[in-house]
Amino acid sequence: MNQLTIKKAQQKVDEWITTHGVRYFNELTNMAILTEEVGEVARIIARQYGEQSFKKKDTDKNLSDELADVLFVVICLANQTGIDLTAAFEKNMEKKTKRDNTRHKLNKKLTSVSKPRKK
């Protein structure tokens, strides 16, 4: 099966922008769009996993689609600022691994079993 790598995703977004989208929005516009898309993810999470209920207009919203929207805009920002997301991700994982090697394993908040709430 043909796997989509981060590099291929960056190329695919760039091809889409140049074919269907005239040009990239500027970085500030894309940052605002990213914030909007993350808000849509938050709205679904609050309703699907949190305590809020869905409004009729939100019932057609799909978490995977909204996360893909976030990813698209992140890739746009990376492309227009010259960031190789594969290299950046690998470097970030190294940083996290070195910094947090035992931190989470030693966090008692993560190892303790939470009690169910009283109803």
N, C-alpha and C. Protein backbone atom coordinates (compact mmCIF):
# COMPACT_ATOMS: atom_id res chain seq x y z
N MET A 1 0.84 -1.18 0.00
CA MET A 1 0.00 0.00 0.00
C MET A 1 0.89 1.25 0.00
N ASN A 2 0.48 2.27 -0.70
CA ASN A 2 1.22 3.51 -0.79
C ASN A 2 0.94 4.37 0.45
N GLN A 3 1.94 4.54 1.29
CA GLN A 3 1.78 5.32 2.53
C GLN A 3 2.03 6.80 2.26
N LEU A 4 1.22 7.64 2.86
CA LEU A 4 1.40 9.08 2.76
C LEU A 4 2.37 9.51 3.85
N THR A 5 3.53 9.98 3.44
CA THR A 5 4.51 10.48 4.40
C THR A 5 4.24 11.95 4.66
N ILE A 6 4.86 12.49 5.66
CA ILE A 6 4.72 13.92 5.94
C ILE A 6 5.23 14.72 4.75
N LYS A 7 6.36 14.30 4.20
CA LYS A 7 6.94 14.99 3.04
C LYS A 7 5.97 14.98 1.86
N LYS A 8 5.35 13.82 1.60
CA LYS A 8 4.38 13.73 0.50
C LYS A 8 3.16 14.60 0.79
N ALA A 9 2.75 14.66 2.05
CA ALA A 9 1.61 15.51 2.42
C ALA A 9 1.94 16.98 2.16
N GLN A 10 3.16 17.38 2.49
CA GLN A 10 3.57 18.76 2.23
C GLN A 10 3.56 19.05 0.73
N GLN A 11 4.03 18.10 -0.06
CA GLN A 11 4.03 18.26 -1.52
C GLN A 11 2.59 18.31 -2.06
N LYS A 12 1.75 17.44 -1.53
CA LYS A 12 0.36 17.36 -1.98
C LYS A 12 -0.40 18.67 -1.69
N VAL A 13 -0.18 19.22 -0.52
CA VAL A 13 -0.82 20.49 -0.16
C VAL A 13 -0.32 21.59 -1.08
N ASP A 14 0.99 21.63 -1.32
CA ASP A 14 1.55 22.65 -2.20
C ASP A 14 0.98 22.53 -3.61
N GLU A 15 0.86 21.31 -4.11
CA GLU A 15 0.27 21.09 -5.43
C GLU A 15 -1.19 21.54 -5.45
N TRP A 16 -1.91 21.25 -4.39
CA TRP A 16 -3.32 21.66 -4.32
C TRP A 16 -3.44 23.18 -4.33
N ILE A 17 -2.61 23.84 -3.52
CA ILE A 17 -2.64 25.31 -3.45
C ILE A 17 -2.36 25.91 -4.83
N THR A 18 -1.33 25.41 -5.50
CA THR A 18 -0.98 25.99 -6.80
C THR A 18 -1.98 25.62 -7.90
N THR A 19 -2.68 24.51 -7.75
CA THR A 19 -3.65 24.08 -8.76
C THR A 19 -5.04 24.66 -8.53
N HIS A 20 -5.49 24.64 -7.27
CA HIS A 20 -6.86 25.02 -6.97
C HIS A 20 -6.99 26.32 -6.18
N GLY A 21 -5.94 26.75 -5.58
CA GLY A 21 -6.06 27.85 -4.64
C GLY A 21 -5.34 29.13 -5.01
N VAL A 22 -4.97 29.42 -6.16
CA VAL A 22 -4.29 30.66 -6.57
C VAL A 22 -2.95 30.85 -5.85
N ARG A 23 -2.96 30.99 -4.52
CA ARG A 23 -1.74 31.16 -3.73
C ARG A 23 -2.05 30.85 -2.27
N TYR A 24 -0.98 30.73 -1.46
CA TYR A 24 -1.16 30.57 -0.02
C TYR A 24 -1.73 31.86 0.56
N PHE A 25 -2.62 31.74 1.54
CA PHE A 25 -2.99 32.91 2.34
C PHE A 25 -1.74 33.33 3.10
N ASN A 26 -1.67 34.58 3.51
CA ASN A 26 -0.48 34.98 4.29
C ASN A 26 -0.48 34.28 5.64
N GLU A 27 0.66 34.33 6.29
CA GLU A 27 0.86 33.59 7.55
C GLU A 27 -0.14 34.00 8.63
N LEU A 28 -0.44 35.28 8.74
CA LEU A 28 -1.39 35.72 9.76
C LEU A 28 -2.80 35.20 9.47
N THR A 29 -3.18 35.21 8.21
CA THR A 29 -4.49 34.67 7.84
C THR A 29 -4.54 33.18 8.14
N ASN A 30 -3.48 32.46 7.78
CA ASN A 30 -3.46 31.02 8.07
C ASN A 30 -3.45 30.74 9.56
N MET A 31 -2.81 31.61 10.35
CA MET A 31 -2.85 31.42 11.80
C MET A 31 -4.27 31.59 12.32
N ALA A 32 -5.00 32.55 11.80
CA ALA A 32 -6.39 32.75 12.20
C ALA A 32 -7.25 31.56 11.76
N ILE A 33 -7.00 31.05 10.55
CA ILE A 33 -7.74 29.88 10.07
C ILE A 33 -7.43 28.66 10.94
N LEU A 34 -6.15 28.50 11.31
CA LEU A 34 -5.78 27.39 12.19
C LEU A 34 -6.51 27.47 13.52
N THR A 35 -6.58 28.65 14.07
CA THR A 35 -7.29 28.85 15.34
C THR A 35 -8.77 28.48 15.19
N GLU A 36 -9.36 28.88 14.08
CA GLU A 36 -10.75 28.54 13.81
C GLU A 36 -10.94 27.03 13.69
N GLU A 37 -10.05 26.37 12.98
CA GLU A 37 -10.15 24.92 12.80
C GLU A 37 -9.96 24.17 14.12
N VAL A 38 -9.02 24.62 14.94
CA VAL A 38 -8.81 24.00 16.26
C VAL A 38 -10.05 24.20 17.12
N GLY A 39 -10.69 25.35 16.98
CA GLY A 39 -11.94 25.59 17.69
C GLY A 39 -13.03 24.61 17.29
N GLU A 40 -13.08 24.27 16.01
CA GLU A 40 -14.06 23.29 15.54
C GLU A 40 -13.77 21.91 16.12
N VAL A 41 -12.49 21.56 16.23
CA VAL A 41 -12.12 20.30 16.87
C VAL A 41 -12.56 20.32 18.34
N ALA A 42 -12.29 21.42 19.01
CA ALA A 42 -12.67 21.55 20.43
C ALA A 42 -14.18 21.42 20.61
N ARG A 43 -14.93 22.00 19.70
CA ARG A 43 -16.39 21.94 19.77
C ARG A 43 -16.86 20.47 19.71
N ILE A 44 -16.30 19.71 18.79
CA ILE A 44 -16.69 18.30 18.66
C ILE A 44 -16.27 17.51 19.89
N ILE A 45 -15.05 17.71 20.35
CA ILE A 45 -14.54 16.99 21.54
C ILE A 45 -15.42 17.29 22.75
N ALA A 46 -15.79 18.57 22.93
CA ALA A 46 -16.61 18.96 24.08
C ALA A 46 -17.97 18.28 24.05
N ARG A 47 -18.47 18.03 22.85
CA ARG A 47 -19.79 17.43 22.73
C ARG A 47 -19.74 15.90 22.69
N GLN A 48 -18.72 15.37 22.03
CA GLN A 48 -18.64 13.91 21.89
C GLN A 48 -18.07 13.25 23.14
N TYR A 49 -17.09 13.89 23.77
CA TYR A 49 -16.43 13.29 24.94
C TYR A 49 -16.66 14.07 26.22
N GLY A 50 -17.15 15.28 26.09
CA GLY A 50 -17.40 16.12 27.25
C GLY A 50 -18.86 16.11 27.63
N GLU A 51 -19.26 17.13 28.32
CA GLU A 51 -20.60 17.16 28.89
C GLU A 51 -21.60 17.99 28.08
N GLN A 52 -21.13 18.64 27.03
CA GLN A 52 -22.06 19.41 26.21
C GLN A 52 -22.79 18.51 25.23
N SER A 53 -23.98 18.93 24.83
CA SER A 53 -24.73 18.16 23.83
C SER A 53 -24.59 18.83 22.47
N PHE A 54 -24.76 18.04 21.43
CA PHE A 54 -24.68 18.55 20.07
C PHE A 54 -25.88 19.43 19.76
N LYS A 55 -25.64 20.51 19.04
CA LYS A 55 -26.72 21.30 18.47
C LYS A 55 -27.07 20.66 17.13
N LYS A 56 -28.28 20.89 16.66
CA LYS A 56 -28.69 20.28 15.39
C LYS A 56 -27.72 20.63 14.26
N LYS A 57 -27.21 21.86 14.24
CA LYS A 57 -26.32 22.27 13.16
C LYS A 57 -24.95 21.59 13.24
N ASP A 58 -24.61 20.99 14.39
CA ASP A 58 -23.31 20.35 14.58
C ASP A 58 -23.33 18.84 14.37
N THR A 59 -24.49 18.27 14.14
CA THR A 59 -24.58 16.80 14.07
C THR A 59 -23.85 16.23 12.86
N ASP A 60 -23.64 17.03 11.83
CA ASP A 60 -22.94 16.54 10.65
C ASP A 60 -21.43 16.73 10.73
N LYS A 61 -20.95 17.32 11.82
CA LYS A 61 -19.51 17.56 11.99
C LYS A 61 -18.80 16.25 12.29
N ASN A 62 -17.62 16.10 11.73
CA ASN A 62 -16.87 14.86 11.83
C ASN A 62 -15.48 15.16 12.37
N LEU A 63 -15.11 14.53 13.46
CA LEU A 63 -13.82 14.80 14.10
C LEU A 63 -12.65 14.54 13.16
N SER A 64 -12.69 13.45 12.42
CA SER A 64 -11.57 13.15 11.53
C SER A 64 -11.42 14.22 10.45
N ASP A 65 -12.53 14.71 9.93
CA ASP A 65 -12.48 15.77 8.91
C ASP A 65 -11.92 17.06 9.50
N GLU A 66 -12.33 17.39 10.70
CA GLU A 66 -11.86 18.63 11.33
C GLU A 66 -10.37 18.53 11.68
N LEU A 67 -9.92 17.35 12.14
CA LEU A 67 -8.49 17.17 12.41
C LEU A 67 -7.69 17.27 11.12
N ALA A 68 -8.25 16.76 10.03
CA ALA A 68 -7.58 16.88 8.73
C ALA A 68 -7.50 18.35 8.30
N ASP A 69 -8.53 19.14 8.61
CA ASP A 69 -8.47 20.58 8.33
C ASP A 69 -7.33 21.24 9.10
N VAL A 70 -7.16 20.86 10.36
CA VAL A 70 -6.07 21.39 11.18
C VAL A 70 -4.73 21.02 10.55
N LEU A 71 -4.60 19.76 10.18
CA LEU A 71 -3.36 19.29 9.57
C LEU A 71 -3.06 20.04 8.27
N PHE A 72 -4.07 20.26 7.45
CA PHE A 72 -3.90 20.99 6.19
C PHE A 72 -3.32 22.38 6.44
N VAL A 73 -3.88 23.10 7.40
CA VAL A 73 -3.42 24.46 7.66
C VAL A 73 -2.03 24.45 8.29
N VAL A 74 -1.74 23.49 9.16
CA VAL A 74 -0.39 23.36 9.72
C VAL A 74 0.61 23.14 8.59
N ILE A 75 0.25 22.29 7.64
CA ILE A 75 1.13 22.03 6.51
C ILE A 75 1.29 23.29 5.66
N CYS A 76 0.22 24.03 5.46
CA CYS A 76 0.33 25.31 4.73
C CYS A 76 1.33 26.23 5.41
N LEU A 77 1.22 26.38 6.71
CA LEU A 77 2.15 27.25 7.45
C LEU A 77 3.59 26.75 7.34
N ALA A 78 3.78 25.45 7.42
CA ALA A 78 5.13 24.89 7.28
C ALA A 78 5.67 25.16 5.88
N ASN A 79 4.86 24.91 4.88
CA ASN A 79 5.31 25.12 3.50
C ASN A 79 5.70 26.57 3.25
N GLN A 80 4.87 27.49 3.69
CA GLN A 80 5.14 28.89 3.36
C GLN A 80 6.26 29.50 4.21
N THR A 81 6.63 28.81 5.29
CA THR A 81 7.74 29.31 6.12
C THR A 81 9.00 28.47 5.95
N GLY A 82 8.96 27.53 5.01
CA GLY A 82 10.14 26.74 4.67
C GLY A 82 10.53 25.68 5.69
N ILE A 83 9.55 25.16 6.41
CA ILE A 83 9.83 24.14 7.43
C ILE A 83 9.60 22.75 6.87
N ASP A 84 10.59 21.90 7.01
CA ASP A 84 10.47 20.48 6.67
C ASP A 84 9.86 19.81 7.89
N LEU A 85 8.58 19.48 7.82
CA LEU A 85 7.88 18.92 8.98
C LEU A 85 8.42 17.57 9.41
N THR A 86 8.94 16.78 8.47
CA THR A 86 9.52 15.49 8.85
C THR A 86 10.71 15.72 9.77
N ALA A 87 11.62 16.58 9.37
CA ALA A 87 12.81 16.87 10.18
C ALA A 87 12.42 17.52 11.50
N ALA A 88 11.47 18.44 11.44
CA ALA A 88 11.03 19.13 12.66
C ALA A 88 10.39 18.15 13.64
N PHE A 89 9.56 17.23 13.11
CA PHE A 89 8.90 16.24 13.96
C PHE A 89 9.93 15.30 14.59
N GLU A 90 10.87 14.82 13.80
CA GLU A 90 11.90 13.93 14.34
C GLU A 90 12.72 14.61 15.43
N LYS A 91 13.08 15.86 15.21
CA LYS A 91 13.84 16.62 16.21
C LYS A 91 13.00 16.82 17.47
N ASN A 92 11.72 17.10 17.28
CA ASN A 92 10.83 17.30 18.41
C ASN A 92 10.66 16.03 19.23
N MET A 93 10.56 14.88 18.55
CA MET A 93 10.43 13.61 19.26
C MET A 93 11.70 13.30 20.06
N GLU A 94 12.85 13.60 19.50
CA GLU A 94 14.11 13.42 20.24
C GLU A 94 14.11 14.28 21.49
N LYS A 95 13.69 15.54 21.35
CA LYS A 95 13.64 16.46 22.49
C LYS A 95 12.71 15.92 23.57
N LYS A 96 11.51 15.51 23.16
CA LYS A 96 10.54 14.99 24.14
C LYS A 96 11.06 13.72 24.82
N THR A 97 11.69 12.85 24.05
CA THR A 97 12.20 11.60 24.61
C THR A 97 13.29 11.88 25.63
N LYS A 98 14.17 12.78 25.31
CA LYS A 98 15.25 13.11 26.24
C LYS A 98 14.71 13.81 27.49
N ARG A 99 13.83 14.79 27.28
CA ARG A 99 13.29 15.58 28.38
C ARG A 99 12.34 14.79 29.27
N ASP A 100 11.51 13.97 28.66
CA ASP A 100 10.44 13.31 29.39
C ASP A 100 10.65 11.81 29.54
N ASN A 101 11.88 11.37 29.47
CA ASN A 101 12.19 9.95 29.51
C ASN A 101 11.51 9.22 30.65
N THR A 102 11.53 9.78 31.82
CA THR A 102 10.89 9.13 32.98
C THR A 102 9.82 10.00 33.63
N ARG A 103 9.71 11.24 33.21
CA ARG A 103 8.80 12.19 33.87
C ARG A 103 7.37 11.67 33.95
N HIS A 104 6.82 11.16 32.88
CA HIS A 104 5.43 10.71 32.90
C HIS A 104 5.27 9.39 33.66
N LYS A 105 6.27 8.54 33.58
CA LYS A 105 6.21 7.27 34.31
C LYS A 105 6.23 7.50 35.81
N LEU A 106 6.88 8.59 36.24
CA LEU A 106 6.97 8.89 37.66
C LEU A 106 5.84 9.79 38.16
N ASN A 107 4.98 10.21 37.27
CA ASN A 107 3.88 11.11 37.63
C ASN A 107 2.76 10.30 38.28
N LYS A 108 2.58 10.49 39.57
CA LYS A 108 1.57 9.73 40.31
C LYS A 108 0.16 10.04 39.82
N LYS A 109 -0.04 11.21 39.26
CA LYS A 109 -1.36 11.56 38.72
C LYS A 109 -1.72 10.67 37.54
N LEU A 110 -0.72 10.19 36.82
CA LEU A 110 -0.98 9.35 35.66
C LEU A 110 -1.09 7.87 36.02
N THR A 111 -0.50 7.48 37.13
CA THR A 111 -0.53 6.07 37.50
C THR A 111 -1.66 5.73 38.47
N SER A 112 -2.24 6.73 39.09
CA SER A 112 -3.33 6.44 40.02
C SER A 112 -4.63 6.25 39.25
N VAL A 113 -5.49 5.44 39.79
CA VAL A 113 -6.78 5.18 39.18
C VAL A 113 -7.75 6.24 39.67
N SER A 114 -8.43 6.90 38.77
CA SER A 114 -9.38 7.93 39.19
C SER A 114 -10.68 7.28 39.62
N LYS A 115 -11.30 7.90 40.59
CA LYS A 115 -12.59 7.40 41.09
C LYS A 115 -13.71 8.01 40.26
N PRO A 116 -14.75 7.23 40.02
CA PRO A 116 -15.89 7.79 39.26
C PRO A 116 -16.58 8.90 40.05
N ARG A 117 -17.13 9.85 39.34
CA ARG A 117 -17.85 10.95 40.00
C ARG A 117 -19.16 10.44 40.58
N LYS A 118 -19.56 11.08 41.67
CA LYS A 118 -20.88 10.77 42.26
C LYS A 118 -21.95 11.42 41.40
N LYS A 119 -23.03 10.71 41.20
CA LYS A 119 -24.13 11.25 40.39
C LYS A 119 -25.19 11.86 41.25
